[in-house]
């Protein structure tokens, strides 16, 4: 029997490895939204509009907050870092598990505590929007965080989340206010998204003319980046829904069906919104079979979109009965309650 030879690194190699590990861990890092290498150094300034990080040569680098994917602070627990990454990727169950392992009192700096509290409350909000938490309780937690950290680089993300939670809580007037704070950002993409979100809130308030004015800001903007182009399509869908409510349902459906024919059906968010909007217009015209077909497409093809799926299931519970399929209605109602127990659609 032969023994494998054990090879130990030289003291010089150990020194190099230790220095490299220390350099990687004992620095703040800013990860940009557009990929590339993270900026490494010491964060010397953080506001709601920008983050400034100074590299090893003492040179400051400025990042607008809309250019930042996430930040990792010097000495941050790996569980907190992994939780942030999971939330960015919408892997909420994994993020919840990682955050549960973080002990706030053990965090080394106020910056880390701020980040921990933000991601914890943001996660609660994201889960509430998916029908797996209380929107009102999540809103209280985020408002408490915002009251303490008004100048945080996470300010705009918190504002958008508060607006979305207000809609989920049935208070679109409050949502318009929070979305207005988001739209006040000095960034063109945030202003554009803010206008869209304000329009959605105004539409729920049945202020269609004001809503369409907000959507027009989006659809008429000169943009070329994929997220903004997609936002324009979402704004167009919302505009057609307003048109239908204003007495032009047939024209609205024709325009929406054209978007279906010309669109990329792999875009789950866009197509779930398209089919739900078409379904809601058919439903308003008592075209029950057509409405069922539209909401059923969201149910069967785009169930990954939690909010849209909950909406589709709710409407199917109403529509299946009207087309003489009570068992299907019971099934849709059961799945709605099971998958999204705290969704506002369950309470309707």
Foldseek 3Di string as FASTA:
>chain_A
DDDDDDDDDDPVVVVVVVVVVCQVQQWKWWAFPVGDDTATAHWDDFFLFWTWGAHPVRRIDIDGLVGTLDMDHRPADVLLVVLSVCVSVVVLVSSVVSLVPDDLVPDDDPVNNLSSLQSVLLSQLVCVLLQNHQLVVSLVSLVVSCVVCVTGNCNLVSLQSNLSSCVQVVNLVVSLVSLVVQLVHPDPVSVLVSLQSNLVSVVSVVVLVSSLVSLCVLLVDDDDDVVSVLSNLVSLLVNLLSVLVVPPLVVSLVVLVVCVVPDDVVPLVNLLSSLQSNLVSCVVVVVLVSNLVSLVCCCPPRVVPSNSVLSSLLVCLVRCVVVPRNVSSVVSLVCSCVRNVRGVSNVD
